[in-house]
C-alpha atoms as a PDB file:
ATOM      1  CA  UNK A   1       0.316   0.139  -0.084  1.00  0.00           C
ATOM      2  CA  UNK A   2       0.995   3.411  -0.899  1.00  0.00           C
ATOM      3  CA  UNK A   3       1.286   6.033   1.765  1.00  0.00           C
ATOM      4  CA  UNK A   4       1.200  10.158   1.872  1.00  0.00           C
ATOM      5  CA  UNK A   5       2.254  12.780   4.288  1.00  0.00           C
ATOM      6  CA  UNK A   6       0.164  14.748   6.395  1.00  0.00           C
ATOM      7  CA  UNK A   7       1.334  17.749   4.080  1.00  0.00           C
ATOM      8  CA  UNK A   8       0.339  15.533   1.124  1.00  0.00           C
ATOM      9  CA  UNK A   9      -3.399  14.912   2.640  1.00  0.00           C
ATOM     10  CA  UNK A  10      -3.948  18.525   3.724  1.00  0.00           C
ATOM     11  CA  UNK A  11      -2.435  19.507   0.337  1.00  0.00           C
ATOM     12  CA  UNK A  12      -5.148  17.093  -1.479  1.00  0.00           C
ATOM     13  CA  UNK A  13      -8.193  17.485   0.801  1.00  0.00           C
ATOM     14  CA  UNK A  14      -7.821  21.468   1.248  1.00  0.00           C
ATOM     15  CA  UNK A  15      -7.418  20.979   4.767  1.00  0.00           C
ATOM     16  CA  UNK A  16      -4.612  22.538   7.268  1.00  0.00           C
ATOM     17  CA  UNK A  17      -2.001  19.824   8.111  1.00  0.00           C
ATOM     18  CA  UNK A  18      -3.114  20.779  12.081  1.00  0.00           C
ATOM     19  CA  UNK A  19      -6.434  19.334  11.216  1.00  0.00           C
ATOM     20  CA  UNK A  20      -5.176  16.832   8.879  1.00  0.00           C
ATOM     21  CA  UNK A  21      -2.997  15.596  12.493  1.00  0.00           C
ATOM     22  CA  UNK A  22      -5.681  16.042  14.682  1.00  0.00           C
ATOM     23  CA  UNK A  23      -7.882  13.856  12.258  1.00  0.00           C
ATOM     24  CA  UNK A  24      -5.037  11.241  12.412  1.00  0.00           C
ATOM     25  CA  UNK A  25      -5.189  11.683  16.572  1.00  0.00           C
ATOM     26  CA  UNK A  26      -8.975  10.941  16.941  1.00  0.00           C
ATOM     27  CA  UNK A  27      -8.527   7.877  14.798  1.00  0.00           C
ATOM     28  CA  UNK A  28     -10.682   9.381  11.942  1.00  0.00           C
ATOM     29  CA  UNK A  29      -8.611   7.938   8.958  1.00  0.00           C
ATOM     30  CA  UNK A  30      -8.938   4.199   8.798  1.00  0.00           C
ATOM     31  CA  UNK A  31      -5.350   2.593   7.653  1.00  0.00           C
ATOM     32  CA  UNK A  32      -3.344   5.080   9.464  1.00  0.00           C
ATOM     33  CA  UNK A  33       0.347   4.545  10.635  1.00  0.00           C
ATOM     34  CA  UNK A  34       1.940   6.434  13.653  1.00  0.00           C
ATOM     35  CA  UNK A  35       5.839   6.695  13.676  1.00  0.00           C
ATOM     36  CA  UNK A  36       7.518   8.469  16.580  1.00  0.00           C
ATOM     37  CA  UNK A  37       5.346  12.006  15.804  1.00  0.00           C
ATOM     38  CA  UNK A  38       5.292  11.214  11.815  1.00  0.00           C
ATOM     39  CA  UNK A  39       1.510  10.073  10.460  1.00  0.00           C
ATOM     40  CA  UNK A  40       1.642   7.729   7.307  1.00  0.00           C
ATOM     41  CA  UNK A  41      -1.376   7.810   4.973  1.00  0.00           C
ATOM     42  CA  UNK A  42      -2.615   5.669   2.609  1.00  0.00           C
ATOM     43  CA  UNK A  43      -3.053   7.146  -0.325  1.00  0.00           C
ATOM     44  CA  UNK A  44      -6.241   5.707  -0.982  1.00  0.00           C
ATOM     45  CA  UNK A  45      -7.838   7.490   1.993  1.00  0.00           C
ATOM     46  CA  UNK A  46     -10.871   9.509   1.451  1.00  0.00           C
ATOM     47  CA  UNK A  47     -11.015  13.256   3.296  1.00  0.00           C
ATOM     48  CA  UNK A  48     -13.035  12.507   6.359  1.00  0.00           C
ATOM     49  CA  UNK A  49     -15.918  14.288   7.130  1.00  0.00           C
ATOM     50  CA  UNK A  50     -16.478  17.837   9.090  1.00  0.00           C
ATOM     51  CA  UNK A  51     -18.457  16.550  11.349  1.00  0.00           C
ATOM     52  CA  UNK A  52     -17.948  20.656  13.358  1.00  0.00           C
ATOM     53  CA  UNK A  53     -19.480  21.960  10.008  1.00  0.00           C
ATOM     54  CA  UNK A  54     -21.997  19.162   9.525  1.00  0.00           C
ATOM     55  CA  UNK A  55     -23.491  19.669  12.655  1.00  0.00           C
ATOM     56  CA  UNK A  56     -24.149  23.330  12.270  1.00  0.00           C
ATOM     57  CA  UNK A  57     -25.465  22.646   8.612  1.00  0.00           C
ATOM     58  CA  UNK A  58     -27.970  20.261  10.284  1.00  0.00           C
ATOM     59  CA  UNK A  59     -29.042  22.729  12.331  1.00  0.00           C
ATOM     60  CA  UNK A  60     -30.008  25.164   9.975  1.00  0.00           C
ATOM     61  CA  UNK A  61     -31.414  21.818   7.712  1.00  0.00           C
ATOM     62  CA  UNK A  62     -33.665  21.722  10.464  1.00  0.00           C
ATOM     63  CA  UNK A  63     -35.491  24.923  10.985  1.00  0.00           C
ATOM     64  CA  UNK A  64     -35.596  24.995   6.669  1.00  0.00           C
ATOM     65  CA  UNK A  65     -37.376  22.125   6.635  1.00  0.00           C
ATOM     66  CA  UNK A  66     -39.969  22.900   9.705  1.00  0.00           C
ATOM     67  CA  UNK A  67     -40.322  25.660   8.091  1.00  0.00           C
ATOM     68  CA  UNK A  68     -41.548  23.655   4.850  1.00  0.00           C
ATOM     69  CA  UNK A  69     -43.747  21.783   6.856  1.00  0.00           C
ATOM     70  CA  UNK A  70     -45.516  25.119   8.364  1.00  0.00           C
ATOM     71  CA  UNK A  71     -45.849  26.309   5.029  1.00  0.00           C
ATOM     72  CA  UNK A  72     -47.320  23.392   3.018  1.00  0.00           C
ATOM     73  CA  UNK A  73     -49.877  22.836   5.942  1.00  0.00           C
ATOM     74  CA  UNK A  74     -50.448  26.981   5.879  1.00  0.00           C
ATOM     75  CA  UNK A  75     -51.421  25.879   2.178  1.00  0.00           C
ATOM     76  CA  UNK A  76     -53.390  23.081   2.448  1.00  0.00           C
ATOM     77  CA  UNK A  77     -56.186  25.572   4.717  1.00  0.00           C
ATOM     78  CA  UNK A  78     -55.613  28.197   2.283  1.00  0.00           C
ATOM     79  CA  UNK A  79     -58.349  28.617  -1.107  1.00  0.00           C
ATOM     80  CA  UNK A  80     -57.568  26.361  -4.181  1.00  0.00           C
ATOM     81  CA  UNK A  81     -56.251  27.955  -6.838  1.00  0.00           C
ATOM     82  CA  UNK A  82     -58.990  28.570  -9.935  1.00  0.00           C
ATOM     83  CA  UNK A  83     -58.290  26.543 -13.168  1.00  0.00           C
ATOM     84  CA  UNK A  84     -57.041  29.595 -14.417  1.00  0.00           C
ATOM     85  CA  UNK A  85     -54.765  30.665 -11.501  1.00  0.00           C
ATOM     86  CA  UNK A  86     -53.442  26.966 -12.017  1.00  0.00           C
ATOM     87  CA  UNK A  87     -52.640  26.735 -16.207  1.00  0.00           C
ATOM     88  CA  UNK A  88     -51.086  30.597 -15.565  1.00  0.00           C
ATOM     89  CA  UNK A  89     -48.529  29.086 -13.191  1.00  0.00           C
ATOM     90  CA  UNK A  90     -47.850  25.857 -14.431  1.00  0.00           C
ATOM     91  CA  UNK A  91     -47.364  26.850 -17.923  1.00  0.00           C
ATOM     92  CA  UNK A  92     -45.142  29.985 -16.767  1.00  0.00           C
ATOM     93  CA  UNK A  93     -43.415  27.279 -14.864  1.00  0.00           C
ATOM     94  CA  UNK A  94     -42.948  24.798 -18.013  1.00  0.00           C
ATOM     95  CA  UNK A  95     -41.333  27.161 -19.521  1.00  0.00           C
ATOM     96  CA  UNK A  96     -38.636  27.754 -17.143  1.00  0.00           C
ATOM     97  CA  UNK A  97     -38.239  24.247 -16.025  1.00  0.00           C
ATOM     98  CA  UNK A  98     -37.677  23.340 -19.287  1.00  0.00           C
ATOM     99  CA  UNK A  99     -35.112  26.814 -20.026  1.00  0.00           C
ATOM    100  CA  UNK A 100     -33.050  25.804 -17.150  1.00  0.00           C
ATOM    101  CA  UNK A 101     -32.791  22.262 -17.615  1.00  0.00           C
ATOM    102  CA  UNK A 102     -31.915  22.293 -20.850  1.00  0.00           C
ATOM    103  CA  UNK A 103     -29.955  24.959 -20.107  1.00  0.00           C
ATOM    104  CA  UNK A 104     -27.571  23.562 -17.621  1.00  0.00           C
ATOM    105  CA  UNK A 105     -26.769  20.579 -20.039  1.00  0.00           C
ATOM    106  CA  UNK A 106     -25.810  23.037 -22.695  1.00  0.00           C
ATOM    107  CA  UNK A 107     -28.773  23.664 -25.245  1.00  0.00           C
ATOM    108  CA  UNK A 108     -27.882  27.427 -25.932  1.00  0.00           C
ATOM    109  CA  UNK A 109     -31.990  28.460 -26.748  1.00  0.00           C
ATOM    110  CA  UNK A 110     -32.647  31.661 -24.529  1.00  0.00           C
ATOM    111  CA  UNK A 111     -36.002  31.811 -21.816  1.00  0.00           C
ATOM    112  CA  UNK A 112     -37.618  33.679 -24.567  1.00  0.00           C
ATOM    113  CA  UNK A 113     -36.860  31.254 -27.452  1.00  0.00           C
ATOM    114  CA  UNK A 114     -37.884  28.025 -25.568  1.00  0.00           C
ATOM    115  CA  UNK A 115     -40.976  29.968 -24.835  1.00  0.00           C
ATOM    116  CA  UNK A 116     -41.467  30.037 -28.923  1.00  0.00           C
ATOM    117  CA  UNK A 117     -40.347  26.682 -29.596  1.00  0.00           C
ATOM    118  CA  UNK A 118     -42.722  25.713 -26.703  1.00  0.00           C
ATOM    119  CA  UNK A 119     -45.432  27.029 -28.750  1.00  0.00           C
ATOM    120  CA  UNK A 120     -44.362  25.692 -32.474  1.00  0.00           C
ATOM    121  CA  UNK A 121     -42.057  28.171 -33.889  1.00  0.00           C
ATOM    122  CA  UNK A 122     -38.867  27.187 -34.728  1.00  0.00           C
ATOM    123  CA  UNK A 123     -35.675  29.721 -34.006  1.00  0.00           C
ATOM    124  CA  UNK A 124     -33.675  30.109 -36.807  1.00  0.00           C
ATOM    125  CA  UNK A 125     -29.744  28.632 -36.981  1.00  0.00           C
ATOM    126  CA  UNK A 126     -30.393  26.812 -34.028  1.00  0.00           C
ATOM    127  CA  UNK A 127     -29.695  23.347 -34.395  1.00  0.00           C
ATOM    128  CA  UNK A 128     -32.731  20.531 -34.257  1.00  0.00           C
ATOM    129  CA  UNK A 129     -30.994  18.744 -31.843  1.00  0.00           C
ATOM    130  CA  UNK A 130     -31.748  21.790 -29.442  1.00  0.00           C
ATOM    131  CA  UNK A 131     -35.489  21.864 -30.731  1.00  0.00           C
ATOM    132  CA  UNK A 132     -35.893  18.570 -29.601  1.00  0.00           C
ATOM    133  CA  UNK A 133     -34.488  18.584 -26.463  1.00  0.00           C
ATOM    134  CA  UNK A 134     -36.971  21.469 -25.698  1.00  0.00           C
ATOM    135  CA  UNK A 135     -40.522  19.301 -27.056  1.00  0.00           C
ATOM    136  CA  UNK A 136     -39.077  16.007 -25.212  1.00  0.00           C
ATOM    137  CA  UNK A 137     -38.687  17.594 -21.938  1.00  0.00           C
ATOM    138  CA  UNK A 138     -42.504  19.183 -22.377  1.00  0.00           C
ATOM    139  CA  UNK A 139     -43.533  16.246 -22.972  1.00  0.00           C
ATOM    140  CA  UNK A 140     -41.684  14.338 -20.245  1.00  0.00           C
ATOM    141  CA  UNK A 141     -43.125  16.714 -18.184  1.00  0.00           C
ATOM    142  CA  UNK A 142     -46.091  16.325 -19.250  1.00  0.00           C
ATOM    143  CA  UNK A 143     -46.055  12.715 -18.550  1.00  0.00           C
ATOM    144  CA  UNK A 144     -44.973  13.112 -14.722  1.00  0.00           C
ATOM    145  CA  UNK A 145     -47.849  15.076 -14.178  1.00  0.00           C
ATOM    146  CA  UNK A 146     -50.313  11.890 -15.637  1.00  0.00           C
ATOM    147  CA  UNK A 147     -48.545   9.419 -13.531  1.00  0.00           C
ATOM    148  CA  UNK A 148     -49.146  11.950 -10.220  1.00  0.00           C
ATOM    149  CA  UNK A 149     -52.636  12.489 -11.527  1.00  0.00           C
ATOM    150  CA  UNK A 150     -53.304   8.396 -11.894  1.00  0.00           C
ATOM    151  CA  UNK A 151     -51.160   7.903  -8.915  1.00  0.00           C
ATOM    152  CA  UNK A 152     -48.718   5.856 -10.404  1.00  0.00           C
ATOM    153  CA  UNK A 153     -46.061   4.107  -8.457  1.00  0.00           C
ATOM    154  CA  UNK A 154     -42.071   5.039  -8.500  1.00  0.00           C
ATOM    155  CA  UNK A 155     -40.473   2.448 -10.554  1.00  0.00           C
ATOM    156  CA  UNK A 156     -36.980   1.712 -13.350  1.00  0.00           C
ATOM    157  CA  UNK A 157     -40.295   1.131 -15.796  1.00  0.00           C
ATOM    158  CA  UNK A 158     -40.931   4.920 -15.549  1.00  0.00           C
ATOM    159  CA  UNK A 159     -38.127   6.479 -15.014  1.00  0.00           C
ATOM    160  CA  UNK A 160     -37.036   4.895 -18.340  1.00  0.00           C
ATOM    161  CA  UNK A 161     -39.981   5.911 -19.643  1.00  0.00           C
ATOM    162  CA  UNK A 162     -39.488   9.765 -18.768  1.00  0.00           C
ATOM    163  CA  UNK A 163     -35.888   9.163 -20.379  1.00  0.00           C
ATOM    164  CA  UNK A 164     -37.153   7.701 -23.551  1.00  0.00           C
ATOM    165  CA  UNK A 165     -39.299  11.387 -23.743  1.00  0.00           C
ATOM    166  CA  UNK A 166     -36.047  13.436 -22.696  1.00  0.00           C
ATOM    167  CA  UNK A 167     -33.721  11.425 -25.279  1.00  0.00           C
ATOM    168  CA  UNK A 168     -36.527  12.020 -27.990  1.00  0.00           C
ATOM    169  CA  UNK A 169     -33.623  12.904 -30.410  1.00  0.00           C
ATOM    170  CA  UNK A 170     -31.878   9.459 -29.560  1.00  0.00           C
ATOM    171  CA  UNK A 171     -33.884   6.511 -30.374  1.00  0.00           C
ATOM    172  CA  UNK A 172     -31.163   4.050 -30.108  1.00  0.00           C
ATOM    173  CA  UNK A 173     -30.378   5.576 -26.377  1.00  0.00           C
ATOM    174  CA  UNK A 174     -34.063   6.197 -25.068  1.00  0.00           C
ATOM    175  CA  UNK A 175     -35.325   3.816 -21.896  1.00  0.00           C
ATOM    176  CA  UNK A 176     -32.027   1.831 -22.560  1.00  0.00           C
ATOM    177  CA  UNK A 177     -29.649   1.653 -19.541  1.00  0.00           C
ATOM    178  CA  UNK A 178     -26.227   2.378 -21.181  1.00  0.00           C
ATOM    179  CA  UNK A 179     -23.681  -0.425 -22.103  1.00  0.00           C
ATOM    180  CA  UNK A 180     -20.160   1.519 -21.959  1.00  0.00           C
ATOM    181  CA  UNK A 181     -18.618   3.216 -19.411  1.00  0.00           C
ATOM    182  CA  UNK A 182     -18.826   7.132 -18.840  1.00  0.00           C
ATOM    183  CA  UNK A 183     -16.741   9.452 -17.410  1.00  0.00           C
ATOM    184  CA  UNK A 184     -18.784  12.991 -15.863  1.00  0.00           C
ATOM    185  CA  UNK A 185     -15.732  15.736 -17.084  1.00  0.00           C
ATOM    186  CA  UNK A 186     -14.398  17.459 -14.485  1.00  0.00           C
ATOM    187  CA  UNK A 187     -16.320  15.790 -11.785  1.00  0.00           C
ATOM    188  CA  UNK A 188     -14.564  13.770  -8.658  1.00  0.00           C
ATOM    189  CA  UNK A 189     -16.858  10.683  -8.565  1.00  0.00           C
ATOM    190  CA  UNK A 190     -16.532   8.088 -11.903  1.00  0.00           C
ATOM    191  CA  UNK A 191     -19.960   6.462 -12.771  1.00  0.00           C
ATOM    192  CA  UNK A 192     -19.732   2.800 -12.181  1.00  0.00           C
ATOM    193  CA  UNK A 193     -19.460   0.211 -15.003  1.00  0.00           C
ATOM    194  CA  UNK A 194     -22.522  -0.730 -17.449  1.00  0.00           C
ATOM    195  CA  UNK A 195     -22.127  -4.259 -15.766  1.00  0.00           C
ATOM    196  CA  UNK A 196     -22.603  -2.071 -12.076  1.00  0.00           C
ATOM    197  CA  UNK A 197     -26.175  -0.065 -13.291  1.00  0.00           C
ATOM    198  CA  UNK A 198     -28.575  -2.070 -13.304  1.00  0.00           C
ATOM    199  CA  UNK A 199     -28.070  -4.044  -9.830  1.00  0.00           C
ATOM    200  CA  UNK A 200     -27.034  -0.290  -8.618  1.00  0.00           C
ATOM    201  CA  UNK A 201     -29.972   1.151  -9.817  1.00  0.00           C
ATOM    202  CA  UNK A 202     -32.685  -1.570  -8.539  1.00  0.00           C
ATOM    203  CA  UNK A 203     -30.882  -1.389  -4.877  1.00  0.00           C
ATOM    204  CA  UNK A 204     -31.267   2.573  -5.166  1.00  0.00           C
ATOM    205  CA  UNK A 205     -35.187   2.059  -5.668  1.00  0.00           C
ATOM    206  CA  UNK A 206     -34.994  -0.186  -2.314  1.00  0.00           C
ATOM    207  CA  UNK A 207     -32.929   2.351  -0.332  1.00  0.00           C
ATOM    208  CA  UNK A 208     -35.206   5.282  -2.018  1.00  0.00           C
ATOM    209  CA  UNK A 209     -38.687   3.332  -0.477  1.00  0.00           C
ATOM    210  CA  UNK A 210     -36.509   2.732   2.871  1.00  0.00           C
ATOM    211  CA  UNK A 211     -35.345   6.702   3.104  1.00  0.00           C
ATOM    212  CA  UNK A 212     -38.946   8.036   2.916  1.00  0.00           C
ATOM    213  CA  UNK A 213     -40.104   6.317   5.830  1.00  0.00           C
ATOM    214  CA  UNK A 214     -37.666   7.262   8.064  1.00  0.00           C
ATOM    215  CA  UNK A 215     -36.899  10.883   6.809  1.00  0.00           C
ATOM    216  CA  UNK A 216     -38.106  13.907   5.443  1.00  0.00           C
ATOM    217  CA  UNK A 217     -38.848  13.449   2.250  1.00  0.00           C
ATOM    218  CA  UNK A 218     -36.856  16.045   0.724  1.00  0.00           C
ATOM    219  CA  UNK A 219     -34.207  15.004   2.099  1.00  0.00           C
ATOM    220  CA  UNK A 220     -35.080  11.021   0.674  1.00  0.00           C
ATOM    221  CA  UNK A 221     -35.593  13.015  -2.861  1.00  0.00           C
ATOM    222  CA  UNK A 222     -31.606  15.076  -2.655  1.00  0.00           C
ATOM    223  CA  UNK A 223     -30.458  11.752  -1.736  1.00  0.00           C
ATOM    224  CA  UNK A 224     -32.166  10.122  -4.703  1.00  0.00           C
ATOM    225  CA  UNK A 225     -30.823  12.311  -6.724  1.00  0.00           C
ATOM    226  CA  UNK A 226     -27.512  12.538  -5.558  1.00  0.00           C
ATOM    227  CA  UNK A 227     -27.636   8.830  -5.693  1.00  0.00           C
ATOM    228  CA  UNK A 228     -29.175   8.703  -9.307  1.00  0.00           C
ATOM    229  CA  UNK A 229     -26.388  11.090 -10.952  1.00  0.00           C
ATOM    230  CA  UNK A 230     -23.795   9.255  -9.044  1.00  0.00           C
ATOM    231  CA  UNK A 231     -25.374   5.720 -11.036  1.00  0.00           C
ATOM    232  CA  UNK A 232     -25.520   7.558 -14.324  1.00  0.00           C
ATOM    233  CA  UNK A 233     -27.237   4.669 -15.759  1.00  0.00           C
ATOM    234  CA  UNK A 234     -28.617   6.621 -19.802  1.00  0.00           C
ATOM    235  CA  UNK A 235     -25.701   7.071 -22.096  1.00  0.00           C
ATOM    236  CA  UNK A 236     -27.095  11.049 -22.414  1.00  0.00           C
ATOM    237  CA  UNK A 237     -30.352  12.658 -20.826  1.00  0.00           C
ATOM    238  CA  UNK A 238     -29.069  11.343 -16.947  1.00  0.00           C
ATOM    239  CA  UNK A 239     -29.381  15.588 -15.386  1.00  0.00           C
ATOM    240  CA  UNK A 240     -33.004  16.227 -17.709  1.00  0.00           C
ATOM    241  CA  UNK A 241     -34.430  12.948 -16.322  1.00  0.00           C
ATOM    242  CA  UNK A 242     -32.699  13.423 -12.543  1.00  0.00           C
ATOM    243  CA  UNK A 243     -34.422  16.744 -12.147  1.00  0.00           C
ATOM    244  CA  UNK A 244     -37.958  15.321 -13.832  1.00  0.00           C
ATOM    245  CA  UNK A 245     -37.529  12.626 -11.164  1.00  0.00           C
ATOM    246  CA  UNK A 246     -37.383  15.033  -8.514  1.00  0.00           C
ATOM    247  CA  UNK A 247     -40.616  16.439  -9.794  1.00  0.00           C
ATOM    248  CA  UNK A 248     -42.587  13.289  -9.740  1.00  0.00           C
ATOM    249  CA  UNK A 249     -41.629  12.590  -6.021  1.00  0.00           C
ATOM    250  CA  UNK A 250     -42.497  15.635  -4.865  1.00  0.00           C
ATOM    251  CA  UNK A 251     -45.358  16.344  -6.727  1.00  0.00           C
ATOM    252  CA  UNK A 252     -46.995  12.695  -5.991  1.00  0.00           C
ATOM    253  CA  UNK A 253     -46.211  13.647  -1.802  1.00  0.00           C
ATOM    254  CA  UNK A 254     -48.276  17.094  -2.341  1.00  0.00           C
ATOM    255  CA  UNK A 255     -45.331  18.721  -2.658  1.00  0.00           C
ATOM    256  CA  UNK A 256     -45.505  21.874  -5.740  1.00  0.00           C
ATOM    257  CA  UNK A 257     -42.438  21.367  -8.832  1.00  0.00           C
ATOM    258  CA  UNK A 258     -39.428  23.272  -8.306  1.00  0.00           C
ATOM    259  CA  UNK A 259     -37.184  24.165 -11.215  1.00  0.00           C
ATOM    260  CA  UNK A 260     -33.179  24.061 -10.841  1.00  0.00           C
ATOM    261  CA  UNK A 261     -32.155  27.380 -11.871  1.00  0.00           C
ATOM    262  CA  UNK A 262     -29.375  27.717 -14.732  1.00  0.00           C
ATOM    263  CA  UNK A 263     -27.448  30.756 -12.597  1.00  0.00           C
ATOM    264  CA  UNK A 264     -27.572  27.916  -9.433  1.00  0.00           C
ATOM    265  CA  UNK A 265     -25.337  25.234 -11.686  1.00  0.00           C
ATOM    266  CA  UNK A 266     -22.168  25.734  -9.779  1.00  0.00           C
ATOM    267  CA  UNK A 267     -23.903  25.459  -6.892  1.00  0.00           C
ATOM    268  CA  UNK A 268     -25.608  22.435  -8.022  1.00  0.00           C
ATOM    269  CA  UNK A 269     -22.023  20.663  -9.568  1.00  0.00           C
ATOM    270  CA  UNK A 270     -20.690  21.870  -6.261  1.00  0.00           C
ATOM    271  CA  UNK A 271     -23.429  20.004  -4.054  1.00  0.00           C
ATOM    272  CA  UNK A 272     -22.778  16.478  -5.713  1.00  0.00           C
ATOM    273  CA  UNK A 273     -18.594  16.680  -5.720  1.00  0.00           C
ATOM    274  CA  UNK A 274     -19.324  17.259  -1.793  1.00  0.00           C
ATOM    275  CA  UNK A 275     -21.494  14.750  -1.678  1.00  0.00           C
ATOM    276  CA  UNK A 276     -18.998  12.252  -3.850  1.00  0.00           C
ATOM    277  CA  UNK A 277     -15.972  13.628  -2.399  1.00  0.00           C
ATOM    278  CA  UNK A 278     -16.504  14.269   1.507  1.00  0.00           C
ATOM    279  CA  UNK A 279     -19.510  11.795   1.920  1.00  0.00           C
ATOM    280  CA  UNK A 280     -21.794  15.276   2.753  1.00  0.00           C
ATOM    281  CA  UNK A 281     -25.474  15.583   1.430  1.00  0.00           C
ATOM    282  CA  UNK A 282     -26.380  18.853   2.775  1.00  0.00           C
ATOM    283  CA  UNK A 283     -25.345  21.092   0.271  1.00  0.00           C
ATOM    284  CA  UNK A 284     -27.866  19.195  -2.089  1.00  0.00           C
ATOM    285  CA  UNK A 285     -30.399  18.551   0.146  1.00  0.00           C
ATOM    286  CA  UNK A 286     -29.961  22.555   1.651  1.00  0.00           C
ATOM    287  CA  UNK A 287     -30.449  23.752  -2.469  1.00  0.00           C
ATOM    288  CA  UNK A 288     -33.352  21.573  -2.917  1.00  0.00           C
ATOM    289  CA  UNK A 289     -35.158  22.369   0.234  1.00  0.00           C
ATOM    290  CA  UNK A 290     -34.426  26.075  -0.169  1.00  0.00           C
ATOM    291  CA  UNK A 291     -36.016  25.603  -3.530  1.00  0.00           C
ATOM    292  CA  UNK A 292     -39.344  23.952  -2.686  1.00  0.00           C
ATOM    293  CA  UNK A 293     -39.847  26.473   0.460  1.00  0.00           C
ATOM    294  CA  UNK A 294     -39.559  29.809  -2.130  1.00  0.00           C
ATOM    295  CA  UNK A 295     -42.565  27.807  -4.185  1.00  0.00           C
ATOM    296  CA  UNK A 296     -44.293  27.041  -1.494  1.00  0.00           C
ATOM    297  CA  UNK A 297     -43.878  31.069  -0.121  1.00  0.00           C
ATOM    298  CA  UNK A 298     -44.951  31.799  -3.321  1.00  0.00           C
ATOM    299  CA  UNK A 299     -47.892  30.088  -3.923  1.00  0.00           C
ATOM    300  CA  UNK A 300     -49.160  31.066   0.076  1.00  0.00           C
ATOM    301  CA  UNK A 301     -48.618  34.850  -0.788  1.00  0.00           C
ATOM    302  CA  UNK A 302     -50.819  34.598  -3.756  1.00  0.00           C
ATOM    303  CA  UNK A 303     -53.367  32.964  -1.833  1.00  0.00           C
ATOM    304  CA  UNK A 304     -53.435  35.307   1.097  1.00  0.00           C
END
């Protein structure tokens, strides 16, 4: 086994040498060998979770989740939206959600152009692929709405159907788990080999059902999203599919749909790195919880 010095571990993990020594003294790093005053750390060791920061963040998160519960209860006691109000808010959301989710993945159509494409207008000098991504995402969201209405159980079949609509421009790849290795450029985590995708997806669905019984739904949904994107089950369209799955689970459980903003993409990507580098799910949970609470407060304000 190869080892690194405290100074090397500190540089690799972005910590001070003093902090790394404390972690060694507290036996927080597995496989450390001590030689006098020196610590030799296995090069494969991962940066230990910072329990001090996580404890503070979890207190903040609890307040946010409590606020979500209060706002959800408050909203349930208010008058229902009229049909016209519901359709207006839904159409506005669909445009923004479709724009942001596709923009995160590199689609260059603007918010206004996205709205035009959804109305059936072709944007000059923009690739057909980008038009199809907009239409596919709209169709996938409409399918999600139907699943919620019909109370269809969350399953692998449902996931593959959503992906088939998202990837309408790639008929040979839609709704099919990938058969080749992939890399996520710039990410700390690398997805599993193809033969592991199906068993890992089966395990993820089982774990998700168990998590929903043990923790706040928003936490369970955030963890599912982190793990789903880590598995990266499809050759393309994983991000768009994953964000649609977030809304499927939220909407099926009485929460409003949310929209991960293109402007927040750096924070969004960093939340994945924090989870896979430091086993810390809190940044993603807080981000999604913030979106949920913001949407609930918006509806409460409208109906007040």
